[in-house]
Amino acid sequence: MTSVKPTIDDKVLQYESFINDVLKRDLQKVLEQRDGVYEKIAQYLQLKNTIKSIQETDSKELKTDVDLGCNFYVQAHVPDTSKIFVAVGYGFFVEFTLSEALTFIEKKTSQLTEYTEVLTKDAAKIKANIRMVLEGLRELQGLKDLPEPGRREVF
């Protein structure tokens, strides 16, 4: 019985290590990535609401607070609200008319939403792999309690 037990214990340790070092880390990365995409979607939707508000009030100029970073704000005056600069990624900004910006935002949020669905599916696959490995662990631990082949246990 002692010759089988160390190998099963080694396998259990390998599976536990795989769960903790690989699968849980991968799951954490995917969920953090998905949360980041949700934040981008929220920012685009906030911009969309701001643009619609500007269009509804037909404002020609605007006063607003701008975050310079670390929650340090300054007041800004926008003399012409007919055009807007939108961050399109990788540090690039594009000047759009308000209607062009709304079209861009719709396409971008749709694209980002599709990406969140992919990330959600990836997270579900990783969770399924974790469950599968845990089930394998249970089976291995059940084998530890079986007698060695060729030996009979006396009750």
Protein backbone atom coordinates (compact mmCIF):
# COMPACT_ATOMS: atom_id res chain seq x y z
CA MET A 1 0.00 0.00 0.00
CA THR A 2 2.91 2.38 0.58
CA SER A 3 4.17 2.04 -3.03
CA VAL A 4 0.88 3.31 -4.54
CA LYS A 5 0.20 6.09 -2.02
CA PRO A 6 3.21 8.36 -2.82
CA THR A 7 2.44 8.35 -6.54
CA ILE A 8 -1.21 9.22 -5.94
CA ASP A 9 -0.20 11.94 -3.49
CA ASP A 10 2.25 13.26 -6.09
CA LYS A 11 -0.52 13.34 -8.70
CA VAL A 12 -2.83 15.15 -6.27
CA LEU A 13 -0.13 17.75 -5.63
CA GLN A 14 0.43 18.17 -9.38
CA TYR A 15 -3.28 18.71 -10.01
CA GLU A 16 -3.57 21.16 -7.12
CA SER A 17 -0.54 23.04 -8.40
CA PHE A 18 -2.04 23.14 -11.92
CA ILE A 19 -5.30 24.55 -10.56
CA ASN A 20 -3.59 27.22 -8.45
CA ASP A 21 -0.67 28.15 -10.72
CA VAL A 22 -2.32 27.95 -14.13
CA LEU A 23 -6.11 27.77 -14.19
CA LYS A 24 -6.93 30.23 -11.40
CA ARG A 25 -4.34 32.71 -12.71
CA ASP A 26 -5.76 32.43 -16.24
CA LEU A 27 -9.29 32.91 -14.92
CA GLN A 28 -8.21 36.00 -12.98
CA LYS A 29 -6.56 37.49 -16.09
CA VAL A 30 -9.63 36.90 -18.26
CA LEU A 31 -11.98 38.40 -15.66
CA GLU A 32 -9.74 41.46 -15.20
CA GLN A 33 -9.54 41.90 -18.95
CA ARG A 34 -13.35 41.68 -19.22
CA ASP A 35 -13.75 44.24 -16.41
CA GLY A 36 -11.44 46.60 -18.31
CA VAL A 37 -13.58 46.24 -21.43
CA TYR A 38 -16.72 46.95 -19.38
CA GLU A 39 -15.06 50.15 -18.12
CA LYS A 40 -14.34 51.25 -21.69
CA ILE A 41 -17.95 50.57 -22.66
CA ALA A 42 -19.15 52.66 -19.70
CA GLN A 43 -16.87 55.54 -20.75
CA TYR A 44 -18.18 55.45 -24.32
CA LEU A 45 -21.77 55.37 -23.09
CA GLN A 46 -21.09 58.34 -20.82
CA LEU A 47 -19.63 60.22 -23.81
CA LYS A 48 -22.69 59.27 -25.87
CA ASN A 49 -24.99 60.75 -23.21
CA THR A 50 -22.90 63.91 -23.07
CA ILE A 51 -23.05 64.32 -26.86
CA LYS A 52 -26.82 63.79 -26.89
CA SER A 53 -27.17 66.35 -24.11
CA ILE A 54 -25.16 68.87 -26.14
CA GLN A 55 -27.32 68.17 -29.20
CA GLU A 56 -30.59 68.47 -27.28
CA THR A 57 -29.69 71.78 -25.67
CA ASP A 58 -28.18 73.02 -28.95
CA SER A 59 -25.29 74.49 -26.98
CA LYS A 60 -22.67 76.33 -29.00
CA GLU A 61 -20.20 76.48 -26.11
CA LEU A 62 -19.60 74.47 -22.99
CA LYS A 63 -18.01 74.76 -19.57
CA THR A 64 -16.81 71.53 -18.03
CA ASP A 65 -14.33 70.02 -15.57
CA VAL A 66 -11.44 68.03 -17.03
CA ASP A 67 -9.60 65.36 -15.04
CA LEU A 68 -5.85 65.89 -15.42
CA GLY A 69 -5.16 62.67 -13.55
CA CYS A 70 -5.19 61.53 -9.94
CA ASN A 71 -8.60 63.21 -9.53
CA PHE A 72 -7.10 66.66 -10.15
CA TYR A 73 -9.66 68.69 -12.11
CA VAL A 74 -9.50 72.00 -13.92
CA GLN A 75 -12.32 73.98 -15.41
CA ALA A 76 -12.35 74.10 -19.21
CA HIS A 77 -14.23 76.30 -21.64
CA VAL A 78 -15.14 74.83 -25.04
CA PRO A 79 -16.03 77.67 -27.43
CA ASP A 80 -17.25 75.41 -30.30
CA THR A 81 -19.15 72.20 -29.51
CA SER A 82 -19.81 71.24 -33.13
CA LYS A 83 -16.76 68.94 -33.17
CA ILE A 84 -15.26 66.63 -30.60
CA PHE A 85 -12.05 64.65 -30.18
CA VAL A 86 -12.63 60.99 -29.34
CA ALA A 87 -10.01 58.56 -28.06
CA VAL A 88 -9.97 55.69 -30.56
CA GLY A 89 -7.25 53.63 -28.88
CA TYR A 90 -3.48 53.39 -28.53
CA GLY A 91 -3.30 57.05 -27.50
CA PHE A 92 -4.84 58.34 -30.74
CA PHE A 93 -7.67 60.87 -30.94
CA VAL A 94 -9.88 61.60 -33.94
CA GLU A 95 -11.86 64.78 -34.50
CA PHE A 96 -15.52 63.97 -35.24
CA THR A 97 -18.69 65.93 -35.70
CA LEU A 98 -21.20 65.06 -33.01
CA SER A 99 -23.18 62.76 -35.32
CA GLU A 100 -19.98 61.05 -36.54
CA ALA A 101 -18.92 60.54 -32.93
CA LEU A 102 -22.28 58.91 -32.10
CA THR A 103 -21.89 56.55 -35.08
CA PHE A 104 -18.35 55.68 -33.99
CA ILE A 105 -19.49 55.09 -30.39
CA GLU A 106 -22.28 52.74 -31.52
CA LYS A 107 -19.84 50.66 -33.58
CA LYS A 108 -17.18 50.68 -30.89
CA THR A 109 -19.53 49.67 -28.06
CA SER A 110 -20.97 46.91 -30.25
CA GLN A 111 -17.45 45.62 -30.95
CA LEU A 112 -16.49 45.82 -27.28
CA THR A 113 -19.70 44.04 -26.24
CA GLU A 114 -18.90 41.17 -28.60
CA TYR A 115 -15.43 40.99 -27.06
CA THR A 116 -16.90 40.79 -23.54
CA GLU A 117 -19.01 37.85 -24.72
CA VAL A 118 -15.86 36.09 -25.95
CA LEU A 119 -14.12 36.76 -22.64
CA THR A 120 -17.16 35.49 -20.71
CA LYS A 121 -17.08 32.26 -22.73
CA ASP A 122 -13.34 31.93 -22.09
CA ALA A 123 -13.94 32.38 -18.35
CA ALA A 124 -16.66 29.71 -18.45
CA LYS A 125 -14.26 27.29 -20.20
CA ILE A 126 -11.59 27.89 -17.58
CA LYS A 127 -14.12 27.36 -14.79
CA ALA A 128 -15.18 24.09 -16.46
CA ASN A 129 -11.53 23.02 -16.61
CA ILE A 130 -11.14 23.79 -12.91
CA ARG A 131 -14.21 21.67 -12.14
CA MET A 132 -12.87 18.85 -14.31
CA VAL A 133 -9.49 18.86 -12.55
CA LEU A 134 -11.20 18.97 -9.15
CA GLU A 135 -13.27 15.94 -10.18
CA GLY A 136 -10.05 14.17 -11.19
CA LEU A 137 -8.62 15.02 -7.78
CA ARG A 138 -11.64 13.50 -6.07
CA GLU A 139 -11.22 10.32 -8.10
CA LEU A 140 -7.51 10.14 -7.29
CA GLN A 141 -8.17 10.66 -3.60
CA GLY A 142 -10.78 7.90 -3.77
CA LEU A 143 -8.09 5.59 -5.20
CA LYS A 144 -5.90 6.22 -2.15
CA ASP A 145 -8.45 4.43 -0.01
CA LEU A 146 -8.51 1.28 -2.21
CA PRO A 147 -6.32 -1.69 -1.26
CA GLU A 148 -3.22 -2.42 -3.34
CA PRO A 149 -3.72 -4.87 -6.20
CA GLY A 150 -3.14 -8.48 -5.12
CA ARG A 151 -3.81 -7.79 -1.44
CA ARG A 152 -6.95 -8.39 0.46
CA GLU A 153 -8.03 -6.36 3.37
CA VAL A 154 -9.31 -8.19 6.36
CA PHE A 155 -12.24 -6.61 8.09
